[in-house]
Amino acid sequence: MNEQLEELLSIKQAAKILNVSTQTLRRWDRQGLLKAVRVGNRKGVGDRRYRKKDIEAYISRKDKAK
């Protein structure tokens, strides 16, 4: 289980890696472009976390589209 937690990035960490705002990541999550994992029970929905492998896959797809 600890390995899974280490693979999850906060929304701020993910935004920094992707060079986008946290609002952009929230929008992408709603649109299904880069889905977040919900952890905890903050206001009934949980905090967003992003899998490192999902971010790497997104970057790879974006690079191929260039």
PDB file of N, CA and C in Angstrom:
ATOM      1  N   MET A   1       0.825  -1.197   0.000  1.00  0.00           N
ATOM      2  CA  MET A   1       0.000   0.000   0.000  1.00  0.00           C
ATOM      3  C   MET A   1       0.866   1.257   0.000  1.00  0.00           C
ATOM      4  N   ASN A   2       1.972   1.269   0.699  1.00  0.00           N
ATOM      5  CA  ASN A   2       2.845   2.435   0.719  1.00  0.00           C
ATOM      6  C   ASN A   2       3.369   2.774  -0.665  1.00  0.00           C
ATOM      7  N   GLU A   3       3.635   1.749  -1.486  1.00  0.00           N
ATOM      8  CA  GLU A   3       4.102   1.995  -2.851  1.00  0.00           C
ATOM      9  C   GLU A   3       3.057   2.777  -3.633  1.00  0.00           C
ATOM     10  N   GLN A   4       1.788   2.452  -3.460  1.00  0.00           N
ATOM     11  CA  GLN A   4       0.721   3.160  -4.163  1.00  0.00           C
ATOM     12  C   GLN A   4       0.679   4.625  -3.728  1.00  0.00           C
ATOM     13  N   LEU A   5       0.841   4.886  -2.437  1.00  0.00           N
ATOM     14  CA  LEU A   5       0.804   6.254  -1.946  1.00  0.00           C
ATOM     15  C   LEU A   5       1.976   7.062  -2.495  1.00  0.00           C
ATOM     16  N   GLU A   6       3.123   6.447  -2.643  1.00  0.00           N
ATOM     17  CA  GLU A   6       4.282   7.149  -3.167  1.00  0.00           C
ATOM     18  C   GLU A   6       4.097   7.520  -4.625  1.00  0.00           C
ATOM     19  N   GLU A   7       3.263   6.784  -5.336  1.00  0.00           N
ATOM     20  CA  GLU A   7       3.038   7.052  -6.756  1.00  0.00           C
ATOM     21  C   GLU A   7       2.007   8.158  -6.974  1.00  0.00           C
ATOM     22  N   LEU A   8       1.350   8.611  -5.924  1.00  0.00           N
ATOM     23  CA  LEU A   8       0.338   9.652  -6.046  1.00  0.00           C
ATOM     24  C   LEU A   8       0.950  11.014  -5.781  1.00  0.00           C
ATOM     25  N   LEU A   9       0.614  11.966  -6.646  1.00  0.00           N
ATOM     26  CA  LEU A   9       1.114  13.329  -6.516  1.00  0.00           C
ATOM     27  C   LEU A   9      -0.041  14.256  -6.146  1.00  0.00           C
ATOM     28  N   SER A  10       0.258  15.281  -5.395  1.00  0.00           N
ATOM     29  CA  SER A  10      -0.764  16.273  -5.076  1.00  0.00           C
ATOM     30  C   SER A  10      -1.097  17.061  -6.344  1.00  0.00           C
ATOM     31  N   ILE A  11      -2.179  17.779  -6.292  1.00  0.00           N
ATOM     32  CA  ILE A  11      -2.574  18.582  -7.446  1.00  0.00           C
ATOM     33  C   ILE A  11      -1.519  19.655  -7.741  1.00  0.00           C
ATOM     34  N   LYS A  12      -0.906  20.210  -6.704  1.00  0.00           N
ATOM     35  CA  LYS A  12       0.145  21.217  -6.912  1.00  0.00           C
ATOM     36  C   LYS A  12       1.380  20.607  -7.561  1.00  0.00           C
ATOM     37  N   GLN A  13       1.757  19.403  -7.125  1.00  0.00           N
ATOM     38  CA  GLN A  13       2.917  18.731  -7.715  1.00  0.00           C
ATOM     39  C   GLN A  13       2.656  18.413  -9.186  1.00  0.00           C
ATOM     40  N   ALA A  14       1.465  17.889  -9.472  1.00  0.00           N
ATOM     41  CA  ALA A  14       1.116  17.543 -10.844  1.00  0.00           C
ATOM     42  C   ALA A  14       1.091  18.790 -11.726  1.00  0.00           C
ATOM     43  N   ALA A  15       0.530  19.877 -11.213  1.00  0.00           N
ATOM     44  CA  ALA A  15       0.461  21.124 -11.978  1.00  0.00           C
ATOM     45  C   ALA A  15       1.858  21.633 -12.309  1.00  0.00           C
ATOM     46  N   LYS A  16       2.761  21.528 -11.350  1.00  0.00           N
ATOM     47  CA  LYS A  16       4.131  21.987 -11.579  1.00  0.00           C
ATOM     48  C   LYS A  16       4.813  21.150 -12.658  1.00  0.00           C
ATOM     49  N   ILE A  17       4.653  19.839 -12.604  1.00  0.00           N
ATOM     50  CA  ILE A  17       5.258  18.951 -13.600  1.00  0.00           C
ATOM     51  C   ILE A  17       4.723  19.262 -14.989  1.00  0.00           C
ATOM     52  N   LEU A  18       3.421  19.486 -15.090  1.00  0.00           N
ATOM     53  CA  LEU A  18       2.777  19.721 -16.388  1.00  0.00           C
ATOM     54  C   LEU A  18       2.819  21.185 -16.817  1.00  0.00           C
ATOM     55  N   ASN A  19       3.274  22.046 -15.924  1.00  0.00           N
ATOM     56  CA  ASN A  19       3.354  23.482 -16.204  1.00  0.00           C
ATOM     57  C   ASN A  19       1.979  24.076 -16.548  1.00  0.00           C
ATOM     58  N   VAL A  20       0.995  23.704 -15.738  1.00  0.00           N
ATOM     59  CA  VAL A  20      -0.370  24.234 -15.875  1.00  0.00           C
ATOM     60  C   VAL A  20      -0.851  24.637 -14.491  1.00  0.00           C
ATOM     61  N   SER A  21      -1.967  25.317 -14.426  1.00  0.00           N
ATOM     62  CA  SER A  21      -2.533  25.716 -13.137  1.00  0.00           C
ATOM     63  C   SER A  21      -3.329  24.558 -12.528  1.00  0.00           C
ATOM     64  N   THR A  22      -3.572  24.675 -11.226  1.00  0.00           N
ATOM     65  CA  THR A  22      -4.397  23.664 -10.571  1.00  0.00           C
ATOM     66  C   THR A  22      -5.829  23.703 -11.108  1.00  0.00           C
ATOM     67  N   GLN A  23      -6.282  24.880 -11.497  1.00  0.00           N
ATOM     68  CA  GLN A  23      -7.625  24.996 -12.100  1.00  0.00           C
ATOM     69  C   GLN A  23      -7.702  24.206 -13.409  1.00  0.00           C
ATOM     70  N   THR A  24      -6.624  24.249 -14.190  1.00  0.00           N
ATOM     71  CA  THR A  24      -6.590  23.482 -15.437  1.00  0.00           C
ATOM     72  C   THR A  24      -6.716  21.993 -15.134  1.00  0.00           C
ATOM     73  N   LEU A  25      -6.001  21.525 -14.125  1.00  0.00           N
ATOM     74  CA  LEU A  25      -6.089  20.109 -13.757  1.00  0.00           C
ATOM     75  C   LEU A  25      -7.487  19.740 -13.290  1.00  0.00           C
ATOM     76  N   ARG A  26      -8.132  20.614 -12.545  1.00  0.00           N
ATOM     77  CA  ARG A  26      -9.516  20.341 -12.117  1.00  0.00           C
ATOM     78  C   ARG A  26     -10.439  20.251 -13.329  1.00  0.00           C
ATOM     79  N   ARG A  27     -10.237  21.145 -14.301  1.00  0.00           N
ATOM     80  CA  ARG A  27     -11.058  21.119 -15.522  1.00  0.00           C
ATOM     81  C   ARG A  27     -10.800  19.836 -16.311  1.00  0.00           C
ATOM     82  N   TRP A  28      -9.533  19.468 -16.462  1.00  0.00           N
ATOM     83  CA  TRP A  28      -9.199  18.236 -17.176  1.00  0.00           C
ATOM     84  C   TRP A  28      -9.813  17.022 -16.490  1.00  0.00           C
ATOM     85  N   ASP A  29      -9.846  17.024 -15.159  1.00  0.00           N
ATOM     86  CA  ASP A  29     -10.466  15.928 -14.412  1.00  0.00           C
ATOM     87  C   ASP A  29     -11.951  15.844 -14.746  1.00  0.00           C
ATOM     88  N   ARG A  30     -12.645  16.989 -14.713  1.00  0.00           N
ATOM     89  CA  ARG A  30     -14.083  17.004 -15.042  1.00  0.00           C
ATOM     90  C   ARG A  30     -14.332  16.554 -16.477  1.00  0.00           C
ATOM     91  N   GLN A  31     -13.417  16.907 -17.382  1.00  0.00           N
ATOM     92  CA  GLN A  31     -13.569  16.554 -18.799  1.00  0.00           C
ATOM     93  C   GLN A  31     -13.092  15.136 -19.110  1.00  0.00           C
ATOM     94  N   GLY A  32     -12.423  14.503 -18.170  1.00  0.00           N
ATOM     95  CA  GLY A  32     -11.931  13.149 -18.369  1.00  0.00           C
ATOM     96  C   GLY A  32     -10.600  13.076 -19.105  1.00  0.00           C
ATOM     97  N   LEU A  33      -9.916  14.209 -19.276  1.00  0.00           N
ATOM     98  CA  LEU A  33      -8.632  14.217 -19.984  1.00  0.00           C
ATOM     99  C   LEU A  33      -7.503  13.646 -19.141  1.00  0.00           C
ATOM    100  N   LEU A  34      -7.513  13.935 -17.851  1.00  0.00           N
ATOM    101  CA  LEU A  34      -6.513  13.422 -16.917  1.00  0.00           C
ATOM    102  C   LEU A  34      -7.237  13.240 -15.588  1.00  0.00           C
ATOM    103  N   LYS A  35      -7.680  12.020 -15.338  1.00  0.00           N
ATOM    104  CA  LYS A  35      -8.502  11.748 -14.170  1.00  0.00           C
ATOM    105  C   LYS A  35      -7.698  11.739 -12.886  1.00  0.00           C
ATOM    106  N   ALA A  36      -8.276  12.325 -11.863  1.00  0.00           N
ATOM    107  CA  ALA A  36      -7.678  12.354 -10.527  1.00  0.00           C
ATOM    108  C   ALA A  36      -8.217  11.187  -9.703  1.00  0.00           C
ATOM    109  N   VAL A  37      -7.438  10.814  -8.710  1.00  0.00           N
ATOM    110  CA  VAL A  37      -7.852   9.834  -7.713  1.00  0.00           C
ATOM    111  C   VAL A  37      -8.270  10.634  -6.490  1.00  0.00           C
ATOM    112  N   ARG A  38      -9.385  10.279  -5.895  1.00  0.00           N
ATOM    113  CA  ARG A  38      -9.854  11.001  -4.707  1.00  0.00           C
ATOM    114  C   ARG A  38      -9.403  10.250  -3.461  1.00  0.00           C
ATOM    115  N   VAL A  39      -8.786  10.973  -2.542  1.00  0.00           N
ATOM    116  CA  VAL A  39      -8.343  10.383  -1.272  1.00  0.00           C
ATOM    117  C   VAL A  39      -8.891  11.208  -0.124  1.00  0.00           C
ATOM    118  N   GLY A  40      -9.080  10.560   0.992  1.00  0.00           N
ATOM    119  CA  GLY A  40      -9.609  11.259   2.155  1.00  0.00           C
ATOM    120  C   GLY A  40     -11.100  11.486   2.024  1.00  0.00           C
ATOM    121  N   ASN A  41     -11.623  12.309   2.891  1.00  0.00           N
ATOM    122  CA  ASN A  41     -13.064  12.579   2.873  1.00  0.00           C
ATOM    123  C   ASN A  41     -13.305  14.058   3.093  1.00  0.00           C
ATOM    124  N   ARG A  42     -12.701  14.858   2.279  1.00  0.00           N
ATOM    125  CA  ARG A  42     -12.844  16.304   2.402  1.00  0.00           C
ATOM    126  C   ARG A  42     -14.135  16.745   1.728  1.00  0.00           C
ATOM    127  N   LYS A  43     -15.043  17.284   2.506  1.00  0.00           N
ATOM    128  CA  LYS A  43     -16.343  17.754   2.011  1.00  0.00           C
ATOM    129  C   LYS A  43     -17.049  16.683   1.182  1.00  0.00           C
ATOM    130  N   GLY A  44     -16.848  15.428   1.548  1.00  0.00           N
ATOM    131  CA  GLY A  44     -17.558  14.338   0.883  1.00  0.00           C
ATOM    132  C   GLY A  44     -16.984  13.912  -0.449  1.00  0.00           C
ATOM    133  N   VAL A  45     -15.966  14.610  -0.972  1.00  0.00           N
ATOM    134  CA  VAL A  45     -15.431  14.230  -2.290  1.00  0.00           C
ATOM    135  C   VAL A  45     -13.965  13.822  -2.230  1.00  0.00           C
ATOM    136  N   GLY A  46     -13.239  14.232  -1.227  1.00  0.00           N
ATOM    137  CA  GLY A  46     -11.824  13.882  -1.103  1.00  0.00           C
ATOM    138  C   GLY A  46     -10.922  14.814  -1.883  1.00  0.00           C
ATOM    139  N   ASP A  47      -9.648  14.769  -1.540  1.00  0.00           N
ATOM    140  CA  ASP A  47      -8.648  15.578  -2.226  1.00  0.00           C
ATOM    141  C   ASP A  47      -8.213  14.878  -3.504  1.00  0.00           C
ATOM    142  N   ARG A  48      -7.882  15.656  -4.511  1.00  0.00           N
ATOM    143  CA  ARG A  48      -7.403  15.086  -5.769  1.00  0.00           C
ATOM    144  C   ARG A  48      -5.936  14.713  -5.641  1.00  0.00           C
ATOM    145  N   ARG A  49      -5.616  13.534  -6.147  1.00  0.00           N
ATOM    146  CA  ARG A  49      -4.239  13.091  -6.298  1.00  0.00           C
ATOM    147  C   ARG A  49      -4.121  12.546  -7.714  1.00  0.00           C
ATOM    148  N   TYR A  50      -2.933  12.618  -8.239  1.00  0.00           N
ATOM    149  CA  TYR A  50      -2.695  12.159  -9.606  1.00  0.00           C
ATOM    150  C   TYR A  50      -1.641  11.065  -9.604  1.00  0.00           C
ATOM    151  N   ARG A  51      -1.935   9.997 -10.333  1.00  0.00           N
ATOM    152  CA  ARG A  51      -0.969   8.902 -10.438  1.00  0.00           C
ATOM    153  C   ARG A  51       0.184   9.356 -11.312  1.00  0.00           C
ATOM    154  N   LYS A  52       1.394   9.095 -10.837  1.00  0.00           N
ATOM    155  CA  LYS A  52       2.583   9.476 -11.587  1.00  0.00           C
ATOM    156  C   LYS A  52       2.564   8.838 -12.976  1.00  0.00           C
ATOM    157  N   LYS A  53       2.147   7.588 -13.066  1.00  0.00           N
ATOM    158  CA  LYS A  53       2.119   6.897 -14.364  1.00  0.00           C
ATOM    159  C   LYS A  53       1.101   7.542 -15.311  1.00  0.00           C
ATOM    160  N   ASP A  54      -0.006   8.084 -14.790  1.00  0.00           N
ATOM    161  CA  ASP A  54      -0.996   8.760 -15.634  1.00  0.00           C
ATOM    162  C   ASP A  54      -0.426  10.068 -16.190  1.00  0.00           C
ATOM    163  N   ILE A  55       0.336  10.772 -15.361  1.00  0.00           N
ATOM    164  CA  ILE A  55       0.963  12.014 -15.820  1.00  0.00           C
ATOM    165  C   ILE A  55       2.011  11.717 -16.883  1.00  0.00           C
ATOM    166  N   GLU A  56       2.807  10.669 -16.664  1.00  0.00           N
ATOM    167  CA  GLU A  56       3.813  10.282 -17.649  1.00  0.00           C
ATOM    168  C   GLU A  56       3.152   9.883 -18.966  1.00  0.00           C
ATOM    169  N   ALA A  57       2.031   9.159 -18.895  1.00  0.00           N
ATOM    170  CA  ALA A  57       1.304   8.760 -20.104  1.00  0.00           C
ATOM    171  C   ALA A  57       0.738   9.979 -20.821  1.00  0.00           C
ATOM    172  N   TYR A  58       0.229  10.947 -20.065  1.00  0.00           N
ATOM    173  CA  TYR A  58      -0.305  12.167 -20.666  1.00  0.00           C
ATOM    174  C   TYR A  58       0.796  12.925 -21.401  1.00  0.00           C
ATOM    175  N   ILE A  59       1.950  13.050 -20.770  1.00  0.00           N
ATOM    176  CA  ILE A  59       3.083  13.740 -21.398  1.00  0.00           C
ATOM    177  C   ILE A  59       3.502  13.008 -22.667  1.00  0.00           C
ATOM    178  N   SER A  60       3.535  11.695 -22.617  1.00  0.00           N
ATOM    179  CA  SER A  60       3.912  10.889 -23.772  1.00  0.00           C
ATOM    180  C   SER A  60       2.924  11.104 -24.928  1.00  0.00           C
ATOM    181  N   ARG A  61       1.623  11.106 -24.615  1.00  0.00           N
ATOM    182  CA  ARG A  61       0.603  11.334 -25.662  1.00  0.00           C
ATOM    183  C   ARG A  61       0.768  12.728 -26.265  1.00  0.00           C
ATOM    184  N   LYS A  62       1.014  13.705 -25.413  1.00  0.00           N
ATOM    185  CA  LYS A  62       1.165  15.091 -25.866  1.00  0.00           C
ATOM    186  C   LYS A  62       2.393  15.226 -26.771  1.00  0.00           C
ATOM    187  N   ASP A  63       3.496  14.570 -26.393  1.00  0.00           N
ATOM    188  CA  ASP A  63       4.718  14.618 -27.197  1.00  0.00           C
ATOM    189  C   ASP A  63       4.518  13.962 -28.559  1.00  0.00           C
ATOM    190  N   LYS A  64       3.759  12.892 -28.611  1.00  0.00           N
ATOM    191  CA  LYS A  64       3.504  12.192 -29.879  1.00  0.00           C
ATOM    192  C   LYS A  64       2.632  13.026 -30.803  1.00  0.00           C
ATOM    193  N   ALA A  65       1.769  13.864 -30.211  1.00  0.00           N
ATOM    194  CA  ALA A  65       0.857  14.693 -31.005  1.00  0.00           C
ATOM    195  C   ALA A  65       1.572  15.872 -31.664  1.00  0.00           C
ATOM    196  N   LYS A  66       2.775  16.178 -31.223  1.00  0.00           N
ATOM    197  CA  LYS A  66       3.508  17.337 -31.780  1.00  0.00           C
ATOM    198  C   LYS A  66       3.965  17.096 -33.182  1.00  0.00           C
TER     199      LYS A  66
END
